[in-house]
């Protein structure tokens, strides 16, 4: 039995361009156009799921996907920092920002820690490993990071060292209690089947 999970990061948005914590703004026109153009590069069939953010929902629609929102794939809760620009937070709360970026157990914003999001996404991933078939998941970059950290059994401190470009696919294939990883394929490149 083999499980294949394709994690698709959302298209570009104004918030992403501003380095703003999610503020509920959708994807921009360029992101929508790019997602629509990439729709044909996705594999057919399988279950479709998504993070609960506006930009993931809009990206899924632009890709021609319709799936269910999964609570374990929700974006990282950044508490009172939601909607703020990263530089604003760094200027107003430099010690808190430094702690958050260096201590995976820390959540100075009142939301969840990196360890929390890694555990939550890991639970979902472990449940999926026992399912035969394909899952397409349109998820925020932090969910992709958490999945990679969990799948490869990396220390949670590696979370911030993983870059997830917009509208790319990170693929996990699971078999015999382990995951294999294929990183960051742009969605405008057609998928080819690889060995799991």
N, C-alpha and C. Protein backbone atom coordinates (compact mmCIF):
# COMPACT_ATOMS: atom_id res chain seq x y z
N UNK A 1 0.84 -1.18 0.00
CA UNK A 1 0.00 0.00 0.00
C UNK A 1 0.89 1.24 0.00
N UNK A 2 0.62 2.18 -0.90
CA UNK A 2 1.39 3.41 -0.98
C UNK A 2 0.46 4.61 -0.94
N UNK A 3 0.84 5.59 -0.17
CA UNK A 3 0.09 6.83 -0.08
C UNK A 3 0.92 7.94 -0.71
N UNK A 4 0.27 8.77 -1.52
CA UNK A 4 0.97 9.89 -2.15
C UNK A 4 0.23 11.17 -1.78
N UNK A 5 0.94 12.10 -1.18
CA UNK A 5 0.35 13.37 -0.78
C UNK A 5 1.11 14.49 -1.49
N UNK A 6 0.38 15.30 -2.24
CA UNK A 6 0.97 16.46 -2.90
C UNK A 6 0.50 17.70 -2.15
N UNK A 7 1.46 18.40 -1.55
CA UNK A 7 1.18 19.63 -0.82
C UNK A 7 1.43 20.80 -1.77
N UNK A 8 0.40 21.57 -2.07
CA UNK A 8 0.49 22.68 -3.00
C UNK A 8 0.42 23.98 -2.21
N UNK A 9 1.44 24.82 -2.37
CA UNK A 9 1.43 26.11 -1.69
C UNK A 9 0.56 27.10 -2.46
N UNK A 10 -0.03 28.07 -1.76
CA UNK A 10 -0.94 29.00 -2.44
C UNK A 10 -0.22 29.95 -3.38
N UNK A 11 -1.00 30.51 -4.29
CA UNK A 11 -0.48 31.51 -5.23
C UNK A 11 -0.17 32.81 -4.48
N UNK A 12 0.45 33.73 -5.18
CA UNK A 12 0.87 35.00 -4.57
C UNK A 12 -0.32 35.85 -4.16
N UNK A 13 -0.06 36.68 -3.15
CA UNK A 13 -1.07 37.61 -2.66
C UNK A 13 -0.38 38.90 -2.26
N UNK A 14 -1.16 39.95 -2.07
CA UNK A 14 -0.59 41.21 -1.62
C UNK A 14 0.09 41.03 -0.26
N UNK A 15 -0.53 40.27 0.63
CA UNK A 15 0.04 40.04 1.96
C UNK A 15 1.40 39.35 1.88
N UNK A 16 1.52 38.37 0.99
CA UNK A 16 2.79 37.67 0.81
C UNK A 16 3.87 38.65 0.33
N UNK A 17 3.52 39.48 -0.61
CA UNK A 17 4.48 40.46 -1.14
C UNK A 17 4.92 41.47 -0.09
N UNK A 18 4.05 41.72 0.89
CA UNK A 18 4.36 42.68 1.96
C UNK A 18 4.99 42.03 3.18
N UNK A 19 5.19 40.70 3.16
CA UNK A 19 5.66 39.94 4.33
C UNK A 19 4.73 40.20 5.51
N UNK A 20 3.43 40.06 5.26
CA UNK A 20 2.40 40.29 6.25
C UNK A 20 1.85 38.95 6.73
N UNK A 21 1.71 38.81 8.06
CA UNK A 21 1.06 37.61 8.58
C UNK A 21 -0.36 37.58 8.02
N UNK A 22 -0.87 36.39 7.75
CA UNK A 22 -2.16 36.23 7.09
C UNK A 22 -3.20 37.20 7.64
N UNK A 23 -3.81 37.94 6.72
CA UNK A 23 -4.81 38.92 7.11
C UNK A 23 -6.15 38.66 6.43
N UNK A 24 -6.30 37.47 5.86
CA UNK A 24 -7.56 37.10 5.23
C UNK A 24 -7.74 37.65 3.83
N UNK A 25 -6.68 38.23 3.25
CA UNK A 25 -6.75 38.75 1.88
C UNK A 25 -6.48 37.60 0.91
N UNK A 26 -7.21 37.60 -0.18
CA UNK A 26 -7.06 36.53 -1.16
C UNK A 26 -5.85 36.72 -2.07
N UNK A 27 -5.74 35.84 -3.04
CA UNK A 27 -4.62 35.88 -3.98
C UNK A 27 -4.81 37.04 -4.95
N UNK A 28 -3.70 37.51 -5.51
CA UNK A 28 -3.76 38.64 -6.43
C UNK A 28 -4.05 38.15 -7.86
N UNK A 29 -4.22 39.10 -8.77
CA UNK A 29 -4.56 38.75 -10.16
C UNK A 29 -3.48 37.90 -10.82
N UNK A 30 -2.21 38.23 -10.55
CA UNK A 30 -1.12 37.45 -11.14
C UNK A 30 -1.13 36.02 -10.59
N UNK A 31 -1.38 35.88 -9.30
CA UNK A 31 -1.46 34.56 -8.69
C UNK A 31 -2.62 33.74 -9.24
N UNK A 32 -3.76 34.39 -9.43
CA UNK A 32 -4.92 33.71 -10.00
C UNK A 32 -4.62 33.22 -11.41
N UNK A 33 -4.03 34.09 -12.22
CA UNK A 33 -3.70 33.72 -13.61
C UNK A 33 -2.71 32.56 -13.64
N UNK A 34 -1.71 32.61 -12.79
CA UNK A 34 -0.70 31.55 -12.77
C UNK A 34 -1.31 30.22 -12.31
N UNK A 35 -2.20 30.28 -11.31
CA UNK A 35 -2.85 29.06 -10.84
C UNK A 35 -3.75 28.46 -11.92
N UNK A 36 -4.50 29.31 -12.60
CA UNK A 36 -5.36 28.80 -13.68
C UNK A 36 -4.53 28.14 -14.78
N UNK A 37 -3.39 28.75 -15.10
CA UNK A 37 -2.52 28.19 -16.13
C UNK A 37 -1.90 26.86 -15.70
N UNK A 38 -1.73 26.67 -14.40
CA UNK A 38 -1.09 25.46 -13.88
C UNK A 38 -2.07 24.32 -13.64
N UNK A 39 -3.35 24.58 -13.75
CA UNK A 39 -4.35 23.57 -13.42
C UNK A 39 -4.14 22.25 -14.15
N UNK A 40 -3.72 22.29 -15.39
CA UNK A 40 -3.51 21.07 -16.17
C UNK A 40 -2.30 20.26 -15.76
N UNK A 41 -1.43 20.82 -14.92
CA UNK A 41 -0.22 20.11 -14.50
C UNK A 41 -0.46 19.20 -13.31
N UNK A 42 -1.66 19.24 -12.74
CA UNK A 42 -1.95 18.43 -11.56
C UNK A 42 -2.41 17.03 -11.94
N UNK A 43 -2.08 16.05 -11.11
CA UNK A 43 -2.57 14.70 -11.38
C UNK A 43 -4.08 14.65 -11.16
N UNK A 44 -4.73 13.77 -11.84
CA UNK A 44 -6.18 13.64 -11.68
C UNK A 44 -6.49 12.57 -10.64
N UNK A 45 -7.67 12.66 -10.11
CA UNK A 45 -8.12 11.67 -9.14
C UNK A 45 -7.60 11.94 -7.75
N UNK A 46 -8.17 11.26 -6.80
CA UNK A 46 -7.75 11.38 -5.42
C UNK A 46 -8.59 12.37 -4.63
N UNK A 47 -8.30 12.43 -3.37
CA UNK A 47 -8.99 13.31 -2.43
C UNK A 47 -8.34 14.70 -2.46
N UNK A 48 -9.15 15.75 -2.33
CA UNK A 48 -8.65 17.12 -2.29
C UNK A 48 -9.01 17.73 -0.95
N UNK A 49 -8.00 18.32 -0.29
CA UNK A 49 -8.19 18.98 1.00
C UNK A 49 -7.48 20.32 0.97
N UNK A 50 -7.77 21.17 1.97
CA UNK A 50 -7.15 22.50 1.98
C UNK A 50 -7.04 23.05 3.39
N UNK A 51 -6.10 23.99 3.55
CA UNK A 51 -6.05 24.83 4.74
C UNK A 51 -7.29 25.72 4.71
N UNK A 52 -7.64 26.28 5.84
CA UNK A 52 -8.83 27.11 5.91
C UNK A 52 -8.62 28.57 5.54
N UNK A 53 -7.47 28.94 5.00
CA UNK A 53 -7.22 30.34 4.67
C UNK A 53 -7.90 30.72 3.37
N UNK A 54 -8.17 32.02 3.22
CA UNK A 54 -8.79 32.54 2.01
C UNK A 54 -7.90 32.25 0.80
N UNK A 55 -6.60 32.50 0.93
CA UNK A 55 -5.73 32.33 -0.24
C UNK A 55 -5.60 30.87 -0.66
N UNK A 56 -5.67 29.93 0.28
CA UNK A 56 -5.65 28.52 -0.12
C UNK A 56 -6.95 28.14 -0.81
N UNK A 57 -8.07 28.64 -0.30
CA UNK A 57 -9.35 28.37 -0.95
C UNK A 57 -9.41 28.92 -2.36
N UNK A 58 -8.94 30.16 -2.53
CA UNK A 58 -8.94 30.78 -3.86
C UNK A 58 -7.96 30.09 -4.80
N UNK A 59 -6.82 29.66 -4.28
CA UNK A 59 -5.85 28.94 -5.11
C UNK A 59 -6.45 27.62 -5.58
N UNK A 60 -7.11 26.90 -4.68
CA UNK A 60 -7.74 25.63 -5.05
C UNK A 60 -8.76 25.84 -6.16
N UNK A 61 -9.62 26.86 -6.03
CA UNK A 61 -10.63 27.13 -7.06
C UNK A 61 -9.95 27.47 -8.39
N UNK A 62 -8.92 28.31 -8.36
CA UNK A 62 -8.22 28.68 -9.59
C UNK A 62 -7.56 27.47 -10.25
N UNK A 63 -7.15 26.50 -9.43
CA UNK A 63 -6.56 25.27 -9.96
C UNK A 63 -7.63 24.28 -10.43
N UNK A 64 -8.88 24.62 -10.23
CA UNK A 64 -9.98 23.73 -10.62
C UNK A 64 -10.23 22.63 -9.61
N UNK A 65 -9.81 22.84 -8.37
CA UNK A 65 -9.98 21.83 -7.32
C UNK A 65 -11.08 22.24 -6.36
N UNK A 66 -11.81 21.27 -5.88
CA UNK A 66 -12.85 21.52 -4.89
C UNK A 66 -12.69 20.46 -3.81
N UNK A 67 -12.32 20.91 -2.63
CA UNK A 67 -12.06 19.94 -1.57
C UNK A 67 -12.55 20.42 -0.23
N UNK A 68 -12.35 19.57 0.73
CA UNK A 68 -12.81 19.87 2.09
C UNK A 68 -11.72 20.57 2.89
N UNK A 69 -12.15 21.44 3.80
CA UNK A 69 -11.24 22.10 4.73
C UNK A 69 -10.94 21.12 5.86
N UNK A 70 -9.65 20.97 6.19
CA UNK A 70 -9.23 20.04 7.23
C UNK A 70 -8.61 20.84 8.37
N UNK A 71 -9.15 20.69 9.57
CA UNK A 71 -8.71 21.48 10.72
C UNK A 71 -7.22 21.29 11.01
N UNK A 72 -6.70 20.08 10.89
CA UNK A 72 -5.28 19.83 11.18
C UNK A 72 -4.35 20.51 10.17
N UNK A 73 -4.89 20.97 9.06
CA UNK A 73 -4.08 21.66 8.05
C UNK A 73 -4.26 23.17 8.09
N UNK A 74 -4.85 23.67 9.16
CA UNK A 74 -5.05 25.11 9.31
C UNK A 74 -3.71 25.84 9.35
N UNK A 75 -3.70 27.11 8.94
CA UNK A 75 -2.46 27.89 9.02
C UNK A 75 -1.99 28.02 10.47
N UNK A 76 -0.73 28.30 10.64
CA UNK A 76 -0.15 28.56 11.95
C UNK A 76 -0.87 29.74 12.58
N UNK A 77 -1.36 29.57 13.79
CA UNK A 77 -2.06 30.63 14.51
C UNK A 77 -1.01 31.56 15.12
N UNK A 78 -0.93 32.80 14.60
CA UNK A 78 0.05 33.76 15.11
C UNK A 78 -0.58 34.76 16.08
N UNK A 79 -1.72 34.42 16.61
CA UNK A 79 -2.34 35.22 17.66
C UNK A 79 -2.47 36.69 17.31
N UNK A 80 -1.99 37.54 18.21
CA UNK A 80 -2.16 38.99 18.05
C UNK A 80 -1.32 39.56 16.89
N UNK A 81 -0.43 38.79 16.31
CA UNK A 81 0.36 39.26 15.17
C UNK A 81 -0.39 39.14 13.85
N UNK A 82 -1.53 38.50 13.85
CA UNK A 82 -2.29 38.29 12.61
C UNK A 82 -2.54 39.63 11.93
N UNK A 83 -2.23 39.70 10.64
CA UNK A 83 -2.46 40.89 9.85
C UNK A 83 -1.35 41.92 9.90
N UNK A 84 -0.35 41.72 10.77
CA UNK A 84 0.74 42.68 10.88
C UNK A 84 1.88 42.33 9.92
N UNK A 85 2.63 43.34 9.54
CA UNK A 85 3.80 43.14 8.69
C UNK A 85 4.96 42.68 9.58
N UNK A 86 5.73 41.74 9.09
CA UNK A 86 6.85 41.17 9.85
C UNK A 86 7.78 42.25 10.41
N UNK A 87 8.13 43.23 9.61
CA UNK A 87 9.02 44.31 10.08
C UNK A 87 8.40 45.12 11.21
N UNK A 88 7.07 45.31 11.17
CA UNK A 88 6.38 46.02 12.25
C UNK A 88 6.52 45.26 13.57
N UNK A 89 6.32 43.97 13.50
CA UNK A 89 6.42 43.15 14.71
C UNK A 89 7.85 43.14 15.22
N UNK A 90 8.79 42.99 14.31
CA UNK A 90 10.21 42.97 14.71
C UNK A 90 10.62 44.28 15.37
N UNK A 91 10.08 45.40 14.91
CA UNK A 91 10.41 46.70 15.50
C UNK A 91 9.72 46.90 16.85
N UNK A 92 8.47 46.46 16.95
CA UNK A 92 7.69 46.66 18.18
C UNK A 92 8.03 45.65 19.27
N UNK A 93 8.35 44.42 18.86
CA UNK A 93 8.59 43.33 19.81
C UNK A 93 9.84 42.54 19.42
N UNK A 94 11.00 43.17 19.38
CA UNK A 94 12.19 42.46 18.89
C UNK A 94 12.55 41.22 19.70
N UNK A 95 12.41 41.28 21.02
CA UNK A 95 12.75 40.11 21.84
C UNK A 95 11.78 38.96 21.59
N UNK A 96 10.50 39.29 21.49
CA UNK A 96 9.48 38.26 21.22
C UNK A 96 9.71 37.62 19.85
N UNK A 97 9.99 38.44 18.85
CA UNK A 97 10.23 37.91 17.51
C UNK A 97 11.47 37.01 17.51
N UNK A 98 12.52 37.44 18.16
CA UNK A 98 13.75 36.64 18.22
C UNK A 98 13.50 35.31 18.92
N UNK A 99 12.74 35.33 20.00
CA UNK A 99 12.42 34.09 20.72
C UNK A 99 11.61 33.15 19.85
N UNK A 100 10.61 33.72 19.16
CA UNK A 100 9.74 32.90 18.32
C UNK A 100 10.52 32.23 17.20
N UNK A 101 11.46 32.94 16.61
CA UNK A 101 12.24 32.39 15.50
C UNK A 101 13.33 31.43 15.95
N UNK A 102 13.68 31.45 17.22
CA UNK A 102 14.77 30.59 17.70
C UNK A 102 14.32 29.46 18.62
N UNK A 103 13.15 29.58 19.21
CA UNK A 103 12.66 28.56 20.14
C UNK A 103 11.35 27.97 19.62
N UNK A 104 11.37 26.76 19.05
CA UNK A 104 10.18 26.17 18.46
C UNK A 104 9.03 25.93 19.45
N UNK A 105 9.32 25.96 20.75
CA UNK A 105 8.27 25.74 21.75
C UNK A 105 7.60 27.05 22.17
N UNK A 106 8.09 28.17 21.67
CA UNK A 106 7.67 29.50 22.11
C UNK A 106 6.55 30.04 21.21
N UNK A 107 5.56 30.70 21.84
CA UNK A 107 4.48 31.35 21.10
C UNK A 107 4.16 32.69 21.76
N UNK A 108 5.08 33.67 21.65
CA UNK A 108 4.90 34.94 22.35
C UNK A 108 3.72 35.77 21.85
N UNK A 109 3.17 35.41 20.70
CA UNK A 109 2.05 36.14 20.11
C UNK A 109 0.71 35.68 20.65
N UNK A 110 0.73 34.62 21.49
CA UNK A 110 -0.51 34.11 22.05
C UNK A 110 -1.20 33.07 21.18
N UNK A 111 -0.60 32.71 20.06
CA UNK A 111 -1.16 31.68 19.19
C UNK A 111 -0.51 30.34 19.48
N UNK A 112 -0.13 29.62 18.44
CA UNK A 112 0.50 28.32 18.65
C UNK A 112 1.98 28.37 18.30
N UNK A 113 2.73 27.46 18.89
CA UNK A 113 4.17 27.38 18.64
C UNK A 113 4.43 26.57 17.38
N UNK A 114 5.67 26.64 16.91
CA UNK A 114 6.10 25.81 15.78
C UNK A 114 5.94 24.34 16.14
N UNK A 115 6.29 23.97 17.36
CA UNK A 115 6.12 22.58 17.78
C UNK A 115 4.66 22.16 17.71
N UNK A 116 3.76 23.05 18.10
CA UNK A 116 2.32 22.74 18.04
C UNK A 116 1.87 22.46 16.61
N UNK A 117 2.26 23.33 15.67
CA UNK A 117 1.82 23.14 14.29
C UNK A 117 2.46 21.88 13.69
N UNK A 118 3.72 21.60 14.04
CA UNK A 118 4.37 20.38 13.55
C UNK A 118 3.66 19.13 14.07
N UNK A 119 3.24 19.15 15.33
CA UNK A 119 2.53 18.00 15.91
C UNK A 119 1.16 17.81 15.25
N UNK A 120 0.46 18.89 15.06
CA UNK A 120 -0.89 18.83 14.47
C UNK A 120 -0.83 18.31 13.03
N UNK A 121 0.08 18.86 12.23
CA UNK A 121 0.22 18.41 10.84
C UNK A 121 0.76 16.98 10.80
N UNK A 122 1.65 16.64 11.74
CA UNK A 122 2.18 15.28 11.83
C UNK A 122 1.10 14.25 12.09
N UNK A 123 0.13 14.58 12.94
CA UNK A 123 -0.99 13.65 13.20
C UNK A 123 -1.75 13.36 11.91
N UNK A 124 -2.02 14.43 11.16
CA UNK A 124 -2.74 14.26 9.90
C UNK A 124 -1.93 13.42 8.92
N UNK A 125 -0.64 13.70 8.84
CA UNK A 125 0.23 13.00 7.92
C UNK A 125 0.33 11.51 8.27
N UNK A 126 0.48 11.21 9.56
CA UNK A 126 0.56 9.82 9.99
C UNK A 126 -0.72 9.06 9.66
N UNK A 127 -1.86 9.69 9.82
CA UNK A 127 -3.13 9.04 9.48
C UNK A 127 -3.19 8.79 7.97
N UNK A 128 -2.66 9.71 7.16
CA UNK A 128 -2.67 9.56 5.71
C UNK A 128 -1.73 8.50 5.19
N UNK A 129 -0.70 8.20 5.97
CA UNK A 129 0.29 7.22 5.52
C UNK A 129 -0.32 5.83 5.39
N UNK A 130 -1.37 5.59 6.13
CA UNK A 130 -2.01 4.27 6.11
C UNK A 130 -3.13 4.18 5.07
N UNK A 131 -3.29 5.21 4.27
CA UNK A 131 -4.34 5.25 3.26
C UNK A 131 -3.72 5.07 1.88
N UNK A 132 -4.24 4.14 1.13
CA UNK A 132 -3.76 3.91 -0.22
C UNK A 132 -4.39 4.94 -1.15
N UNK A 133 -3.59 5.60 -1.95
CA UNK A 133 -4.13 6.55 -2.91
C UNK A 133 -3.46 7.90 -2.83
N UNK A 134 -4.03 8.86 -3.55
CA UNK A 134 -3.45 10.19 -3.70
C UNK A 134 -4.32 11.23 -3.00
N UNK A 135 -3.62 12.20 -2.38
CA UNK A 135 -4.28 13.35 -1.78
C UNK A 135 -3.61 14.61 -2.32
N UNK A 136 -4.41 15.55 -2.78
CA UNK A 136 -3.93 16.88 -3.15
C UNK A 136 -4.34 17.82 -2.02
N UNK A 137 -3.38 18.53 -1.46
CA UNK A 137 -3.67 19.42 -0.33
C UNK A 137 -3.13 20.81 -0.64
N UNK A 138 -4.02 21.78 -0.75
CA UNK A 138 -3.63 23.18 -0.96
C UNK A 138 -3.49 23.79 0.43
N UNK A 139 -2.24 24.04 0.83
CA UNK A 139 -1.96 24.42 2.22
C UNK A 139 -0.96 25.56 2.30
N UNK A 140 -1.00 26.28 3.41
CA UNK A 140 -0.08 27.38 3.64
C UNK A 140 1.37 26.87 3.73
N UNK A 141 2.35 27.73 3.41
CA UNK A 141 3.75 27.31 3.47
C UNK A 141 4.18 26.72 4.81
N UNK A 142 3.64 27.25 5.91
CA UNK A 142 4.03 26.70 7.22
C UNK A 142 3.51 25.27 7.41
N UNK A 143 2.42 24.92 6.75
CA UNK A 143 1.92 23.54 6.82
C UNK A 143 2.85 22.63 6.02
N UNK A 144 3.32 23.11 4.87
CA UNK A 144 4.30 22.34 4.09
C UNK A 144 5.57 22.12 4.93
N UNK A 145 6.07 23.19 5.56
CA UNK A 145 7.26 23.06 6.41
C UNK A 145 7.04 22.04 7.51
N UNK A 146 5.91 22.13 8.19
CA UNK A 146 5.61 21.20 9.29
C UNK A 146 5.54 19.76 8.79
N UNK A 147 4.96 19.54 7.62
CA UNK A 147 4.88 18.19 7.06
C UNK A 147 6.27 17.64 6.75
N UNK A 148 7.13 18.46 6.18
CA UNK A 148 8.50 18.02 5.86
C UNK A 148 9.28 17.73 7.14
N UNK A 149 9.17 18.60 8.14
CA UNK A 149 9.84 18.37 9.42
C UNK A 149 9.40 17.03 10.00
N UNK A 150 8.10 16.78 9.99
CA UNK A 150 7.59 15.52 10.56
C UNK A 150 8.00 14.31 9.72
N UNK A 151 7.81 14.41 8.40
CA UNK A 151 8.08 13.25 7.54
C UNK A 151 9.53 12.81 7.60
N UNK A 152 10.45 13.77 7.69
CA UNK A 152 11.87 13.43 7.71
C UNK A 152 12.44 13.33 9.13
N UNK A 153 11.55 13.48 10.10
CA UNK A 153 11.96 13.42 11.52
C UNK A 153 13.07 14.42 11.83
N UNK A 154 12.92 15.61 11.27
CA UNK A 154 13.87 16.69 11.52
C UNK A 154 13.56 17.34 12.86
N UNK A 155 14.54 17.98 13.47
CA UNK A 155 14.23 18.75 14.68
C UNK A 155 13.32 19.91 14.30
N UNK A 156 12.41 20.28 15.18
CA UNK A 156 11.48 21.37 14.86
C UNK A 156 12.20 22.69 14.60
N UNK A 157 13.44 22.83 15.06
CA UNK A 157 14.22 24.03 14.79
C UNK A 157 14.50 24.18 13.29
N UNK A 158 14.39 23.12 12.51
CA UNK A 158 14.62 23.19 11.06
C UNK A 158 13.46 23.86 10.32
N UNK A 159 12.34 24.04 10.98
CA UNK A 159 11.13 24.62 10.38
C UNK A 159 11.41 25.91 9.60
N UNK A 160 12.11 26.85 10.22
CA UNK A 160 12.36 28.15 9.59
C UNK A 160 13.45 28.09 8.52
N UNK A 161 14.11 26.96 8.37
CA UNK A 161 15.17 26.81 7.36
C UNK A 161 14.63 26.29 6.04
N UNK A 162 13.34 26.04 5.97
CA UNK A 162 12.71 25.50 4.76
C UNK A 162 11.95 26.60 4.04
N UNK A 163 12.31 26.87 2.80
CA UNK A 163 11.61 27.87 1.99
C UNK A 163 10.58 27.17 1.11
N UNK A 164 9.40 27.74 1.04
CA UNK A 164 8.32 27.18 0.24
C UNK A 164 7.81 28.27 -0.70
N UNK A 165 8.26 28.26 -1.95
CA UNK A 165 7.82 29.28 -2.91
C UNK A 165 6.32 29.15 -3.22
N UNK A 166 5.70 30.24 -3.66
CA UNK A 166 4.28 30.18 -4.04
C UNK A 166 4.04 29.22 -5.20
N UNK A 167 2.91 28.58 -5.14
CA UNK A 167 2.42 27.71 -6.20
C UNK A 167 3.43 26.65 -6.63
N UNK A 168 3.95 25.93 -5.64
CA UNK A 168 4.84 24.80 -5.90
C UNK A 168 4.26 23.55 -5.22
N UNK A 169 4.71 22.41 -5.68
CA UNK A 169 4.25 21.14 -5.13
C UNK A 169 5.39 20.46 -4.39
N UNK A 170 5.09 20.03 -3.18
CA UNK A 170 6.00 19.21 -2.39
C UNK A 170 5.30 17.88 -2.23
N UNK A 171 5.96 16.81 -2.65
CA UNK A 171 5.30 15.52 -2.69
C UNK A 171 5.89 14.54 -1.68
N UNK A 172 5.01 13.88 -0.98
CA UNK A 172 5.39 12.84 -0.02
C UNK A 172 4.77 11.53 -0.47
N UNK A 173 5.56 10.48 -0.46
CA UNK A 173 5.02 9.15 -0.74
C UNK A 173 5.38 8.26 0.44
N UNK A 174 4.38 7.58 0.97
CA UNK A 174 4.58 6.78 2.16
C UNK A 174 4.34 5.31 1.91
N UNK A 175 5.24 4.53 2.50
CA UNK A 175 5.13 3.07 2.40
C UNK A 175 5.98 2.47 3.51
N UNK A 176 5.52 1.43 4.09
CA UNK A 176 6.28 0.68 5.10
C UNK A 176 6.74 1.57 6.25
N UNK A 177 5.87 2.47 6.70
CA UNK A 177 6.17 3.27 7.88
C UNK A 177 7.16 4.40 7.66
N UNK A 178 7.40 4.81 6.41
CA UNK A 178 8.32 5.91 6.17
C UNK A 178 7.80 6.77 5.03
N UNK A 179 8.36 7.97 4.93
CA UNK A 179 8.00 8.90 3.87
C UNK A 179 9.21 9.19 2.99
N UNK A 180 8.99 9.31 1.70
CA UNK A 180 9.98 9.84 0.76
C UNK A 180 9.51 11.23 0.37
N UNK A 181 10.44 12.10 0.02
CA UNK A 181 10.13 13.50 -0.22
C UNK A 181 10.62 13.95 -1.59
N UNK A 182 9.78 14.70 -2.28
CA UNK A 182 10.14 15.36 -3.54
C UNK A 182 9.74 16.82 -3.37
N UNK A 183 10.70 17.72 -3.40
CA UNK A 183 10.48 19.12 -3.04
C UNK A 183 10.21 20.05 -4.20
N UNK A 184 9.35 21.05 -3.95
CA UNK A 184 9.22 22.28 -4.69
C UNK A 184 9.10 22.27 -6.19
N UNK A 185 8.41 21.32 -6.77
CA UNK A 185 8.22 21.34 -8.21
C UNK A 185 7.25 22.45 -8.59
N UNK A 186 7.65 23.36 -9.49
CA UNK A 186 6.70 24.38 -9.94
C UNK A 186 5.50 23.71 -10.60
N UNK A 187 4.32 24.24 -10.40
CA UNK A 187 3.13 23.59 -10.94
C UNK A 187 2.99 23.72 -12.45
N UNK A 188 3.81 24.54 -13.09
CA UNK A 188 3.72 24.63 -14.53
C UNK A 188 4.55 23.56 -15.22
N UNK A 189 5.17 22.67 -14.42
CA UNK A 189 5.91 21.54 -14.97
C UNK A 189 5.06 20.30 -14.76
N UNK A 190 4.69 19.58 -15.82
CA UNK A 190 3.83 18.41 -15.67
C UNK A 190 4.44 17.38 -14.73
N UNK A 191 3.56 16.70 -14.00
CA UNK A 191 4.01 15.68 -13.06
C UNK A 191 4.48 14.43 -13.80
N UNK A 192 5.53 13.82 -13.27
CA UNK A 192 5.96 12.51 -13.74
C UNK A 192 5.96 11.58 -12.53
N UNK A 193 5.53 10.37 -12.73
CA UNK A 193 5.51 9.42 -11.62
C UNK A 193 6.93 9.01 -11.28
N UNK A 194 7.20 9.03 -9.98
CA UNK A 194 8.51 8.59 -9.49
C UNK A 194 8.31 7.39 -8.58
N UNK A 195 9.35 6.68 -8.34
CA UNK A 195 9.26 5.53 -7.45
C UNK A 195 9.07 6.00 -6.02
N UNK A 196 8.25 5.30 -5.28
CA UNK A 196 7.98 5.65 -3.88
C UNK A 196 8.94 4.95 -2.96
